[in-house]
Every structure is written in structure tokens, then in C-alpha cells.
Amino acid sequence: MSRLKDLFRINAATPGVYEEDTEEELLDDGITQDEHKEMLEMDKSILDGGGTDEKRVKQEAERRVVTAAEDSMTRLHMIKRGRCPECGDHLRRHLFAAICESCGWNTFDTPRTGSVRVHLRDQNRSIEGDRCYKVRSGSLLVVKGEVVIAKISRDALSWVEYLWPDEEIDQRHREIVERQEVNCGWCNKPADPEKDGFHLVHVAFGTSQERYCFCSDDCYEAFRRMYPARVDRNCYERNCAECNLCVKRYDDEAEGIRLLAKDFLKTKRRATAATPAANGGSSDNS
């Protein structure tokens, strides 16, 4: 919000009071590009000639910015709760992407240090840049070195490839691990996936598959003794990929320890007690 207030030169000491903007200040702040200079001059001349209060215009702009920020926060909270901000249905969430299978809405991270490669239809070539943006018309803008280097029409576009360096992927996972922690399903203490005795278990207590982590062999065995599987007596040992006795909630893609954040990564200082659910499938990936 501070950046937005800077944008409209709101005086923080006196709400509603605006400082004078100069053309140079606007340009220095990066608010307008060079081609907007003439438009800015034209708009100012129209306001001055029509007797319009510029402060009132800025106040209206601030009101619209606040309304847009509220809408954005509402959408973000819906995503945080696992709901699609467009249709309200459940999202399929991954560490760096969220996808709604009902309406197709999606959001995903792109590489910070990698690049993007846009493949053209009916042509044996591609265009590479730092980022690309799909605009309302369906065209794709390719940006490289802070400038647009290509505008590709929807008909000429084949597919977009994001080039992720392995080092960046590893760094992002390290950032998540540093910020969050996996809690043991038995003692509720932090469980380190890198330590001996760590267990990642899929097991069914009812009709669908559940997932638990354990910090040690002792916690895992204590949990097994307290909560025997009901779908199959060997549920803890069975390979989920070869079993069809329960409804699978986790496919092969989600079995890696890197995707545990969806279910087990708890923000530090907010540990919650884990209790076995009345649903679930199986396998121990220790």
C-alpha cells in the first residue's frame, strides 16, 4: 500500500492531502514510460481547462486502488483456503502452482533466473525471453532485458516452455524447508526428512487414502499399534500403486517428499495436533 500511496503522492501526515506532482518526478519514479509523456500533458491540459479539481481526481484514483486491493486480498484468501477465486470449487494445489479442474483457472510460479521459450506454430523456431505475458486479445508479449521483443498472435502460438535451472528449483525447496516444518503424526514434534527413522506413510482407515509423517521408528510403530488399518490388514506395507481397495488421494506425482508441504508443512510456532482421520490408502516411503 505504501508504494501505491507513493504513486499518487498521498501525504501520510495529513490523509487526503496531496503533494504536487511534477512531470520529472513521475518519470523518475517509473510511473510512466516515454510514450506516456504526451498523454500526461494532454490530460493535464484538459483538467486545467475544464476546471476539474486534480485533488478530487487523485482521491478517486486512491479509492479505486483500495477497492482493487480489497478484491485482490479476497482472491488470495480464497486460494489460501484451497478454493478457486473464479468458481469457488476446490483447487488442485502444488508447491508452486494451483489449478482448478472445474473452470480452468490457474496460477503458477515462473523461473526467477531461468528464461521462457515460446514455440511458434508451423515454424521450426522459437523465441526466447525473460518473461512472457498473455494479454486479453490472446496475443503473447515476450519481454527480454525489460523491453518487449516480440508480440505473438494467438494463431501463431504453439506452446510455451519455462526453463527452470536445477539450482533454482533446489533453492526454492530449501526456502520452504527453512520457513516451515514437517510435524510428526504421533508426537507432533518436528520431523526431519533427512534423518534416519523418518517415515512417510499412506494408509487407509476408511474409504480413502491418508498421509502421515513420523520422526522416528518408535513413533511410527506406536502409531501402527494404536491405529490398525481397516481396509486391509497389510495396508501399512502394501504399495499404493498396486492396490485398489481405497480411493487414492495422492498420485505418483505427489508421493515425493518435496510435495509434502500441501499437507504437512506447518508454519513454525503453529504446530497442530495430528489425529488419524476416518478415511484413507497405504504405503511406507521411508
C-alpha atoms as a PDB file:
ATOM      1  CA  MET A   1       0.000   0.000   0.000  1.00  0.00           C
ATOM      2  CA  SER A   2       2.901   2.390   0.703  1.00  0.00           C
ATOM      3  CA  ARG A   3       4.011   2.031  -2.901  1.00  0.00           C
ATOM      4  CA  LEU A   4       0.505   2.773  -4.076  1.00  0.00           C
ATOM      5  CA  LYS A   5       0.353   5.830  -1.877  1.00  0.00           C
ATOM      6  CA  ASP A   6       3.678   6.975  -3.240  1.00  0.00           C
ATOM      7  CA  LEU A   7       2.208   6.541  -6.693  1.00  0.00           C
ATOM      8  CA  PHE A   8      -0.457   9.151  -6.010  1.00  0.00           C
ATOM      9  CA  ARG A   9       1.719  11.287  -3.693  1.00  0.00           C
ATOM     10  CA  ILE A  10      -0.553  10.896  -0.660  1.00  0.00           C
ATOM     11  CA  ASN A  11       0.716  12.884   2.284  1.00  0.00           C
ATOM     12  CA  ALA A  12       0.941  10.343   5.115  1.00  0.00           C
ATOM     13  CA  ALA A  13       0.881  13.036   7.800  1.00  0.00           C
ATOM     14  CA  THR A  14      -2.361  14.549   6.514  1.00  0.00           C
ATOM     15  CA  PRO A  15      -4.724  11.972   4.967  1.00  0.00           C
ATOM     16  CA  GLY A  16      -6.419  13.272   1.841  1.00  0.00           C
ATOM     17  CA  VAL A  17      -3.807  15.979   1.310  1.00  0.00           C
ATOM     18  CA  TYR A  18      -1.715  15.515  -1.820  1.00  0.00           C
ATOM     19  CA  GLU A  19       1.641  16.954  -2.718  1.00  0.00           C
ATOM     20  CA  GLU A  20       2.212  18.496  -6.106  1.00  0.00           C
ATOM     21  CA  ASP A  21       3.422  16.110  -8.804  1.00  0.00           C
ATOM     22  CA  THR A  22       5.940  17.209 -11.337  1.00  0.00           C
ATOM     23  CA  GLU A  23       6.401  15.541 -14.680  1.00  0.00           C
ATOM     24  CA  GLU A  24      10.006  14.760 -13.816  1.00  0.00           C
ATOM     25  CA  GLU A  25       9.032  13.057 -10.530  1.00  0.00           C
ATOM     26  CA  LEU A  26       6.560  10.836 -12.322  1.00  0.00           C
ATOM     27  CA  LEU A  27       9.108   9.818 -14.894  1.00  0.00           C
ATOM     28  CA  ASP A  28      11.863   9.334 -12.303  1.00  0.00           C
ATOM     29  CA  ASP A  29       9.594   7.003 -10.309  1.00  0.00           C
ATOM     30  CA  GLY A  30       8.959   4.858 -13.353  1.00  0.00           C
ATOM     31  CA  ILE A  31       5.235   5.576 -13.262  1.00  0.00           C
ATOM     32  CA  THR A  32       5.066   6.370 -16.969  1.00  0.00           C
ATOM     33  CA  GLN A  33       7.050   5.275 -19.966  1.00  0.00           C
ATOM     34  CA  ASP A  34       8.352   7.761 -22.516  1.00  0.00           C
ATOM     35  CA  GLU A  35       5.349   7.341 -24.791  1.00  0.00           C
ATOM     36  CA  HIS A  36       3.023   8.337 -21.922  1.00  0.00           C
ATOM     37  CA  LYS A  37       4.575  11.783 -21.578  1.00  0.00           C
ATOM     38  CA  GLU A  38       2.432  13.319 -24.290  1.00  0.00           C
ATOM     39  CA  MET A  39      -0.712  11.672 -22.893  1.00  0.00           C
ATOM     40  CA  LEU A  40       0.077  13.054 -19.444  1.00  0.00           C
ATOM     41  CA  GLU A  41       0.439  16.582 -20.825  1.00  0.00           C
ATOM     42  CA  MET A  42      -2.838  16.266 -22.740  1.00  0.00           C
ATOM     43  CA  ASP A  43      -4.784  15.012 -19.707  1.00  0.00           C
ATOM     44  CA  LYS A  44      -3.410  17.790 -17.517  1.00  0.00           C
ATOM     45  CA  SER A  45      -4.397  20.436 -20.049  1.00  0.00           C
ATOM     46  CA  ILE A  46      -7.928  19.005 -20.227  1.00  0.00           C
ATOM     47  CA  LEU A  47      -8.267  19.077 -16.438  1.00  0.00           C
ATOM     48  CA  ASP A  48      -6.887  22.594 -16.168  1.00  0.00           C
ATOM     49  CA  GLY A  49      -9.106  23.895 -18.957  1.00  0.00           C
ATOM     50  CA  GLY A  50     -12.260  22.270 -17.613  1.00  0.00           C
ATOM     51  CA  GLY A  51     -11.783  23.495 -14.069  1.00  0.00           C
ATOM     52  CA  THR A  52     -11.615  19.936 -12.701  1.00  0.00           C
ATOM     53  CA  ASP A  53     -10.120  19.599  -9.226  1.00  0.00           C
ATOM     54  CA  GLU A  54      -6.995  17.461  -9.627  1.00  0.00           C
ATOM     55  CA  LYS A  55      -7.020  16.542  -5.933  1.00  0.00           C
ATOM     56  CA  ARG A  56     -10.507  15.089  -6.332  1.00  0.00           C
ATOM     57  CA  VAL A  57      -9.285  13.032  -9.286  1.00  0.00           C
ATOM     58  CA  LYS A  58      -6.425  11.669  -7.175  1.00  0.00           C
ATOM     59  CA  GLN A  59      -8.786  10.839  -4.325  1.00  0.00           C
ATOM     60  CA  GLU A  60     -10.990   8.892  -6.732  1.00  0.00           C
ATOM     61  CA  ALA A  61      -7.911   7.073  -8.019  1.00  0.00           C
ATOM     62  CA  GLU A  62      -6.923   6.171  -4.455  1.00  0.00           C
ATOM     63  CA  ARG A  63     -10.446   4.895  -3.758  1.00  0.00           C
ATOM     64  CA  ARG A  64     -10.249   2.642  -6.795  1.00  0.00           C
ATOM     65  CA  VAL A  65      -6.807   1.388  -5.769  1.00  0.00           C
ATOM     66  CA  VAL A  66      -8.092   0.461  -2.294  1.00  0.00           C
ATOM     67  CA  THR A  67     -11.109  -1.322  -3.781  1.00  0.00           C
ATOM     68  CA  ALA A  68      -8.854  -3.261  -6.147  1.00  0.00           C
ATOM     69  CA  ALA A  69      -6.553  -4.179  -3.233  1.00  0.00           C
ATOM     70  CA  GLU A  70      -9.535  -5.492  -1.246  1.00  0.00           C
ATOM     71  CA  ASP A  71     -10.656  -7.608  -4.200  1.00  0.00           C
ATOM     72  CA  SER A  72      -7.124  -8.935  -4.591  1.00  0.00           C
ATOM     73  CA  MET A  73      -6.909  -9.855  -0.887  1.00  0.00           C
ATOM     74  CA  THR A  74     -10.250 -11.673  -1.121  1.00  0.00           C
ATOM     75  CA  ARG A  75      -8.972 -13.737  -4.053  1.00  0.00           C
ATOM     76  CA  LEU A  76      -5.718 -14.540  -2.237  1.00  0.00           C
ATOM     77  CA  HIS A  77      -7.570 -15.714   0.872  1.00  0.00           C
ATOM     78  CA  MET A  78      -9.772 -17.987  -1.247  1.00  0.00           C
ATOM     79  CA  ILE A  79      -6.653 -19.507  -2.824  1.00  0.00           C
ATOM     80  CA  LYS A  80      -5.105 -19.927   0.625  1.00  0.00           C
ATOM     81  CA  ARG A  81      -8.191 -21.872   1.717  1.00  0.00           C
ATOM     82  CA  GLY A  82      -7.929 -24.120  -1.332  1.00  0.00           C
ATOM     83  CA  ARG A  83     -10.810 -22.591  -3.284  1.00  0.00           C
ATOM     84  CA  CYS A  84     -10.915 -21.266  -6.821  1.00  0.00           C
ATOM     85  CA  PRO A  85     -11.396 -17.464  -6.829  1.00  0.00           C
ATOM     86  CA  GLU A  86     -13.425 -17.733 -10.039  1.00  0.00           C
ATOM     87  CA  CYS A  87     -15.906 -20.555  -9.462  1.00  0.00           C
ATOM     88  CA  GLY A  88     -15.350 -21.420  -5.781  1.00  0.00           C
ATOM     89  CA  ASP A  89     -14.597 -25.099  -6.437  1.00  0.00           C
ATOM     90  CA  HIS A  90     -11.660 -26.977  -4.890  1.00  0.00           C
ATOM     91  CA  LEU A  91      -8.156 -26.275  -6.206  1.00  0.00           C
ATOM     92  CA  ARG A  92      -5.529 -28.865  -7.008  1.00  0.00           C
ATOM     93  CA  ARG A  93      -2.585 -27.359  -5.186  1.00  0.00           C
ATOM     94  CA  HIS A  94       1.101 -27.999  -5.744  1.00  0.00           C
ATOM     95  CA  LEU A  95       4.070 -26.266  -4.177  1.00  0.00           C
ATOM     96  CA  PHE A  96       4.400 -23.757  -6.983  1.00  0.00           C
ATOM     97  CA  ALA A  97       1.063 -23.996  -8.780  1.00  0.00           C
ATOM     98  CA  ALA A  98      -2.685 -24.060  -8.120  1.00  0.00           C
ATOM     99  CA  ILE A  99      -5.153 -25.345 -10.735  1.00  0.00           C
ATOM    100  CA  CYS A 100      -8.949 -25.548 -10.818  1.00  0.00           C
ATOM    101  CA  GLU A 101     -10.132 -28.547 -12.805  1.00  0.00           C
ATOM    102  CA  SER A 102     -13.700 -27.210 -12.912  1.00  0.00           C
ATOM    103  CA  CYS A 103     -13.232 -23.884 -14.697  1.00  0.00           C
ATOM    104  CA  GLY A 104      -9.568 -23.996 -15.739  1.00  0.00           C
ATOM    105  CA  TRP A 105      -8.403 -21.090 -13.571  1.00  0.00           C
ATOM    106  CA  ASN A 106      -4.742 -21.443 -12.631  1.00  0.00           C
ATOM    107  CA  THR A 107      -1.772 -19.657 -11.155  1.00  0.00           C
ATOM    108  CA  PHE A 108       1.844 -20.779 -11.149  1.00  0.00           C
ATOM    109  CA  ASP A 109       5.346 -19.559 -10.451  1.00  0.00           C
ATOM    110  CA  THR A 110       7.807 -18.869 -13.238  1.00  0.00           C
ATOM    111  CA  PRO A 111      11.602 -19.033 -13.011  1.00  0.00           C
ATOM    112  CA  ARG A 112      13.380 -16.124 -11.344  1.00  0.00           C
ATOM    113  CA  THR A 113      16.698 -16.792 -13.032  1.00  0.00           C
ATOM    114  CA  GLY A 114      15.628 -19.028 -15.898  1.00  0.00           C
ATOM    115  CA  SER A 115      14.042 -17.965 -19.149  1.00  0.00           C
ATOM    116  CA  VAL A 116      10.976 -18.664 -21.237  1.00  0.00           C
ATOM    117  CA  ARG A 117      10.929 -20.164 -24.722  1.00  0.00           C
ATOM    118  CA  VAL A 118       7.918 -19.559 -26.962  1.00  0.00           C
ATOM    119  CA  HIS A 119       7.461 -22.109 -29.729  1.00  0.00           C
ATOM    120  CA  LEU A 120       5.753 -20.931 -32.900  1.00  0.00           C
ATOM    121  CA  ARG A 121       3.118 -22.865 -34.790  1.00  0.00           C
ATOM    122  CA  ASP A 122       4.062 -24.239 -38.220  1.00  0.00           C
ATOM    123  CA  GLN A 123       7.595 -22.907 -37.828  1.00  0.00           C
ATOM    124  CA  ASN A 124      10.706 -24.743 -36.777  1.00  0.00           C
ATOM    125  CA  ARG A 125      11.876 -21.974 -34.477  1.00  0.00           C
ATOM    126  CA  SER A 126      11.221 -20.383 -31.111  1.00  0.00           C
ATOM    127  CA  ILE A 127      11.618 -17.026 -29.373  1.00  0.00           C
ATOM    128  CA  GLU A 128      13.385 -16.866 -26.011  1.00  0.00           C
ATOM    129  CA  GLY A 129      12.990 -14.141 -23.398  1.00  0.00           C
ATOM    130  CA  ASP A 130      12.981 -13.419 -19.676  1.00  0.00           C
ATOM    131  CA  ARG A 131       9.191 -13.414 -19.239  1.00  0.00           C
ATOM    132  CA  CYS A 132       6.062 -13.620 -21.349  1.00  0.00           C
ATOM    133  CA  TYR A 133       2.570 -12.259 -20.781  1.00  0.00           C
ATOM    134  CA  LYS A 134      -0.728 -13.289 -22.306  1.00  0.00           C
ATOM    135  CA  VAL A 135      -2.911 -10.259 -22.957  1.00  0.00           C
ATOM    136  CA  ARG A 136      -6.679 -10.086 -23.288  1.00  0.00           C
ATOM    137  CA  SER A 137      -6.640 -10.397 -27.082  1.00  0.00           C
ATOM    138  CA  GLY A 138      -4.906 -13.777 -26.749  1.00  0.00           C
ATOM    139  CA  SER A 139      -1.574 -12.484 -28.026  1.00  0.00           C
ATOM    140  CA  LEU A 140       1.649 -13.159 -26.159  1.00  0.00           C
ATOM    141  CA  LEU A 141       4.171 -10.454 -25.288  1.00  0.00           C
ATOM    142  CA  VAL A 142       7.759 -11.651 -24.873  1.00  0.00           C
ATOM    143  CA  VAL A 143       9.950  -9.464 -22.638  1.00  0.00           C
ATOM    144  CA  LYS A 144      13.745  -9.581 -22.555  1.00  0.00           C
ATOM    145  CA  GLY A 145      16.034  -7.095 -20.873  1.00  0.00           C
ATOM    146  CA  GLU A 146      12.988  -5.076 -19.663  1.00  0.00           C
ATOM    147  CA  VAL A 147      11.772  -4.449 -23.227  1.00  0.00           C
ATOM    148  CA  VAL A 148       9.154  -6.212 -25.360  1.00  0.00           C
ATOM    149  CA  ILE A 149      10.993  -8.084 -28.092  1.00  0.00           C
ATOM    150  CA  ALA A 150       8.030  -9.854 -29.697  1.00  0.00           C
ATOM    151  CA  LYS A 151       4.253  -9.821 -29.887  1.00  0.00           C
ATOM    152  CA  ILE A 152       2.972 -13.194 -30.994  1.00  0.00           C
ATOM    153  CA  SER A 153      -0.598 -13.607 -32.210  1.00  0.00           C
ATOM    154  CA  ARG A 154      -2.750 -16.384 -30.834  1.00  0.00           C
ATOM    155  CA  ASP A 155      -2.832 -18.149 -34.202  1.00  0.00           C
ATOM    156  CA  ALA A 156       0.973 -18.199 -34.444  1.00  0.00           C
ATOM    157  CA  LEU A 157       1.491 -19.561 -30.904  1.00  0.00           C
ATOM    158  CA  SER A 158       2.141 -23.265 -30.380  1.00  0.00           C
ATOM    159  CA  TRP A 159       3.300 -23.687 -26.765  1.00  0.00           C
ATOM    160  CA  VAL A 160       5.367 -22.009 -24.048  1.00  0.00           C
ATOM    161  CA  GLU A 161       8.327 -23.661 -22.331  1.00  0.00           C
ATOM    162  CA  TYR A 162       9.625 -22.438 -18.969  1.00  0.00           C
ATOM    163  CA  LEU A 163      13.323 -23.205 -18.487  1.00  0.00           C
ATOM    164  CA  TRP A 164      13.905 -23.957 -14.803  1.00  0.00           C
ATOM    165  CA  PRO A 165      17.550 -24.259 -13.706  1.00  0.00           C
ATOM    166  CA  ASP A 166      18.023 -27.180 -11.312  1.00  0.00           C
ATOM    167  CA  GLU A 167      19.806 -24.855  -8.903  1.00  0.00           C
ATOM    168  CA  GLU A 168      16.754 -22.590  -8.642  1.00  0.00           C
ATOM    169  CA  ILE A 169      14.382 -25.497  -8.016  1.00  0.00           C
ATOM    170  CA  ASP A 170      16.608 -26.769  -5.210  1.00  0.00           C
ATOM    171  CA  GLN A 171      16.891 -23.256  -3.780  1.00  0.00           C
ATOM    172  CA  ARG A 172      13.113 -22.800  -3.716  1.00  0.00           C
ATOM    173  CA  HIS A 173      12.639 -26.071  -1.878  1.00  0.00           C
ATOM    174  CA  ARG A 174      15.304 -25.082   0.637  1.00  0.00           C
ATOM    175  CA  GLU A 175      13.481 -21.797   1.224  1.00  0.00           C
ATOM    176  CA  ILE A 176      10.270 -23.687   2.011  1.00  0.00           C
ATOM    177  CA  VAL A 177      12.014 -26.087   4.378  1.00  0.00           C
ATOM    178  CA  GLU A 178      13.681 -23.182   6.190  1.00  0.00           C
ATOM    179  CA  ARG A 179      10.339 -21.397   6.589  1.00  0.00           C
ATOM    180  CA  GLN A 180       8.211 -24.383   7.513  1.00  0.00           C
ATOM    181  CA  GLU A 181       8.495 -27.745   9.145  1.00  0.00           C
ATOM    182  CA  VAL A 182       7.018 -31.242   8.926  1.00  0.00           C
ATOM    183  CA  ASN A 183       5.310 -32.401  12.120  1.00  0.00           C
ATOM    184  CA  CYS A 184       5.313 -35.994  13.319  1.00  0.00           C
ATOM    185  CA  GLY A 185       1.907 -37.680  13.128  1.00  0.00           C
ATOM    186  CA  TRP A 186       2.417 -39.300  16.552  1.00  0.00           C
ATOM    187  CA  CYS A 187       4.341 -36.943  18.865  1.00  0.00           C
ATOM    188  CA  ASN A 188       3.662 -33.755  16.867  1.00  0.00           C
ATOM    189  CA  LYS A 189       7.313 -32.728  17.120  1.00  0.00           C
ATOM    190  CA  PRO A 190       9.270 -31.524  14.079  1.00  0.00           C
ATOM    191  CA  ALA A 191      10.234 -34.410  11.774  1.00  0.00           C
ATOM    192  CA  ASP A 192      13.380 -34.033   9.657  1.00  0.00           C
ATOM    193  CA  PRO A 193      13.019 -35.894   6.321  1.00  0.00           C
ATOM    194  CA  GLU A 194      16.824 -36.125   6.099  1.00  0.00           C
ATOM    195  CA  LYS A 195      17.282 -38.050   9.354  1.00  0.00           C
ATOM    196  CA  ASP A 196      17.305 -41.812   9.784  1.00  0.00           C
ATOM    197  CA  GLY A 197      13.994 -43.202  11.009  1.00  0.00           C
ATOM    198  CA  PHE A 198      11.825 -40.697   9.136  1.00  0.00           C
ATOM    199  CA  HIS A 199       8.721 -42.311   7.602  1.00  0.00           C
ATOM    200  CA  LEU A 200       6.249 -41.058   5.030  1.00  0.00           C
ATOM    201  CA  VAL A 201       3.195 -43.322   5.184  1.00  0.00           C
ATOM    202  CA  HIS A 202      -0.006 -43.687   3.171  1.00  0.00           C
ATOM    203  CA  VAL A 203      -2.684 -45.705   4.935  1.00  0.00           C
ATOM    204  CA  ALA A 204      -6.476 -46.203   4.788  1.00  0.00           C
ATOM    205  CA  PHE A 205      -8.688 -46.068   7.876  1.00  0.00           C
ATOM    206  CA  GLY A 206     -11.870 -45.877   5.823  1.00  0.00           C
ATOM    207  CA  THR A 207     -12.696 -45.399   2.172  1.00  0.00           C
ATOM    208  CA  SER A 208      -9.883 -43.049   1.157  1.00  0.00           C
ATOM    209  CA  GLN A 209      -6.137 -42.687   1.443  1.00  0.00           C
ATOM    210  CA  GLU A 210      -4.469 -40.618   4.175  1.00  0.00           C
ATOM    211  CA  ARG A 211      -0.876 -39.476   4.592  1.00  0.00           C
ATOM    212  CA  TYR A 212       1.266 -39.244   7.743  1.00  0.00           C
ATOM    213  CA  CYS A 213       4.878 -38.457   8.582  1.00  0.00           C
ATOM    214  CA  PHE A 214       6.824 -39.808  11.562  1.00  0.00           C
ATOM    215  CA  CYS A 215      10.074 -38.557  13.036  1.00  0.00           C
ATOM    216  CA  SER A 216      11.343 -41.962  14.199  1.00  0.00           C
ATOM    217  CA  ASP A 217      10.780 -45.710  14.027  1.00  0.00           C
ATOM    218  CA  ASP A 218       9.367 -45.649  17.571  1.00  0.00           C
ATOM    219  CA  CYS A 219       6.690 -43.091  16.679  1.00  0.00           C
ATOM    220  CA  TYR A 220       5.791 -44.999  13.541  1.00  0.00           C
ATOM    221  CA  GLU A 221       5.397 -48.306  15.384  1.00  0.00           C
ATOM    222  CA  ALA A 222       3.414 -46.653  18.204  1.00  0.00           C
ATOM    223  CA  PHE A 223       1.026 -45.169  15.648  1.00  0.00           C
ATOM    224  CA  ARG A 224       0.602 -48.542  13.916  1.00  0.00           C
ATOM    225  CA  ARG A 225      -0.226 -50.285  17.173  1.00  0.00           C
ATOM    226  CA  MET A 226      -2.754 -47.618  18.158  1.00  0.00           C
ATOM    227  CA  TYR A 227      -4.383 -47.288  14.727  1.00  0.00           C
ATOM    228  CA  PRO A 228      -4.514 -50.549  12.758  1.00  0.00           C
ATOM    229  CA  ALA A 229      -5.594 -50.166   9.142  1.00  0.00           C
ATOM    230  CA  ARG A 230      -9.179 -51.212   8.466  1.00  0.00           C
ATOM    231  CA  VAL A 231      -9.193 -51.550   4.679  1.00  0.00           C
ATOM    232  CA  ASP A 232      -6.532 -54.253   4.597  1.00  0.00           C
ATOM    233  CA  ARG A 233      -4.506 -55.826   7.401  1.00  0.00           C
ATOM    234  CA  ASN A 234      -1.295 -55.229   5.430  1.00  0.00           C
ATOM    235  CA  CYS A 235      -2.216 -51.678   4.406  1.00  0.00           C
ATOM    236  CA  TYR A 236       0.880 -50.161   6.007  1.00  0.00           C
ATOM    237  CA  GLU A 237       3.164 -52.402   3.916  1.00  0.00           C
ATOM    238  CA  ARG A 238       1.262 -52.513   0.627  1.00  0.00           C
ATOM    239  CA  ASN A 239       2.328 -50.496  -2.394  1.00  0.00           C
ATOM    240  CA  CYS A 240      -0.429 -47.972  -3.106  1.00  0.00           C
ATOM    241  CA  ALA A 241       0.274 -48.077  -6.849  1.00  0.00           C
ATOM    242  CA  GLU A 242      -0.636 -51.779  -6.884  1.00  0.00           C
ATOM    243  CA  CYS A 243      -3.686 -51.518  -4.601  1.00  0.00           C
ATOM    244  CA  ASN A 244      -7.262 -50.522  -5.472  1.00  0.00           C
ATOM    245  CA  LEU A 245      -9.005 -51.107  -2.109  1.00  0.00           C
ATOM    246  CA  CYS A 246      -9.435 -47.403  -1.313  1.00  0.00           C
ATOM    247  CA  VAL A 247      -9.903 -44.046  -3.025  1.00  0.00           C
ATOM    248  CA  LYS A 248      -6.472 -42.619  -3.846  1.00  0.00           C
ATOM    249  CA  ARG A 249      -5.890 -39.007  -2.836  1.00  0.00           C
ATOM    250  CA  TYR A 250      -2.216 -38.910  -3.755  1.00  0.00           C
ATOM    251  CA  ASP A 251      -0.994 -39.904  -7.200  1.00  0.00           C
ATOM    252  CA  ASP A 252       2.572 -40.783  -8.133  1.00  0.00           C
ATOM    253  CA  GLU A 253       3.430 -37.132  -8.644  1.00  0.00           C
ATOM    254  CA  ALA A 254       2.527 -36.280  -5.057  1.00  0.00           C
ATOM    255  CA  GLU A 255       4.458 -39.066  -3.362  1.00  0.00           C
ATOM    256  CA  GLY A 256       7.773 -37.231  -3.300  1.00  0.00           C
ATOM    257  CA  ILE A 257       8.837 -35.636  -0.066  1.00  0.00           C
ATOM    258  CA  ARG A 258       9.112 -32.317  -1.888  1.00  0.00           C
ATOM    259  CA  LEU A 259       5.327 -32.092  -2.179  1.00  0.00           C
ATOM    260  CA  LEU A 260       4.638 -32.720   1.498  1.00  0.00           C
ATOM    261  CA  ALA A 261       4.027 -29.030   2.059  1.00  0.00           C
ATOM    262  CA  LYS A 262       0.445 -29.361   0.831  1.00  0.00           C
ATOM    263  CA  ASP A 263      -0.470 -31.445   3.858  1.00  0.00           C
ATOM    264  CA  PHE A 264       2.266 -31.483   6.478  1.00  0.00           C
ATOM    265  CA  LEU A 265       4.338 -28.354   6.303  1.00  0.00           C
ATOM    266  CA  LYS A 266       3.216 -26.206   9.206  1.00  0.00           C
ATOM    267  CA  THR A 267       4.402 -22.684   9.762  1.00  0.00           C
ATOM    268  CA  LYS A 268       6.851 -22.628  12.659  1.00  0.00           C
ATOM    269  CA  ARG A 269       5.353 -21.831  16.049  1.00  0.00           C
ATOM    270  CA  ARG A 270       1.949 -23.072  14.872  1.00  0.00           C
ATOM    271  CA  ALA A 271       2.191 -26.805  15.483  1.00  0.00           C
ATOM    272  CA  THR A 272      -1.181 -28.549  15.441  1.00  0.00           C
ATOM    273  CA  ALA A 273      -2.111 -31.898  16.954  1.00  0.00           C
ATOM    274  CA  ALA A 274      -2.447 -34.692  14.390  1.00  0.00           C
ATOM    275  CA  THR A 275      -5.261 -37.225  14.700  1.00  0.00           C
ATOM    276  CA  PRO A 276      -5.929 -40.087  12.304  1.00  0.00           C
ATOM    277  CA  ALA A 277      -8.857 -39.437  10.022  1.00  0.00           C
ATOM    278  CA  ALA A 278     -11.645 -41.833   9.337  1.00  0.00           C
ATOM    279  CA  ASN A 279     -10.627 -42.237   5.712  1.00  0.00           C
ATOM    280  CA  GLY A 280      -7.615 -43.452   3.662  1.00  0.00           C
ATOM    281  CA  GLY A 281      -4.918 -45.992   1.305  1.00  0.00           C
ATOM    282  CA  SER A 282      -1.313 -47.129   2.022  1.00  0.00           C
ATOM    283  CA  SER A 283       2.426 -47.308   1.641  1.00  0.00           C
ATOM    284  CA  ASP A 284       5.545 -46.502   3.626  1.00  0.00           C
ATOM    285  CA  ASN A 285       8.084 -44.359   1.784  1.00  0.00           C
ATOM    286  CA  SER A 286      10.805 -44.146   4.366  1.00  0.00           C
END
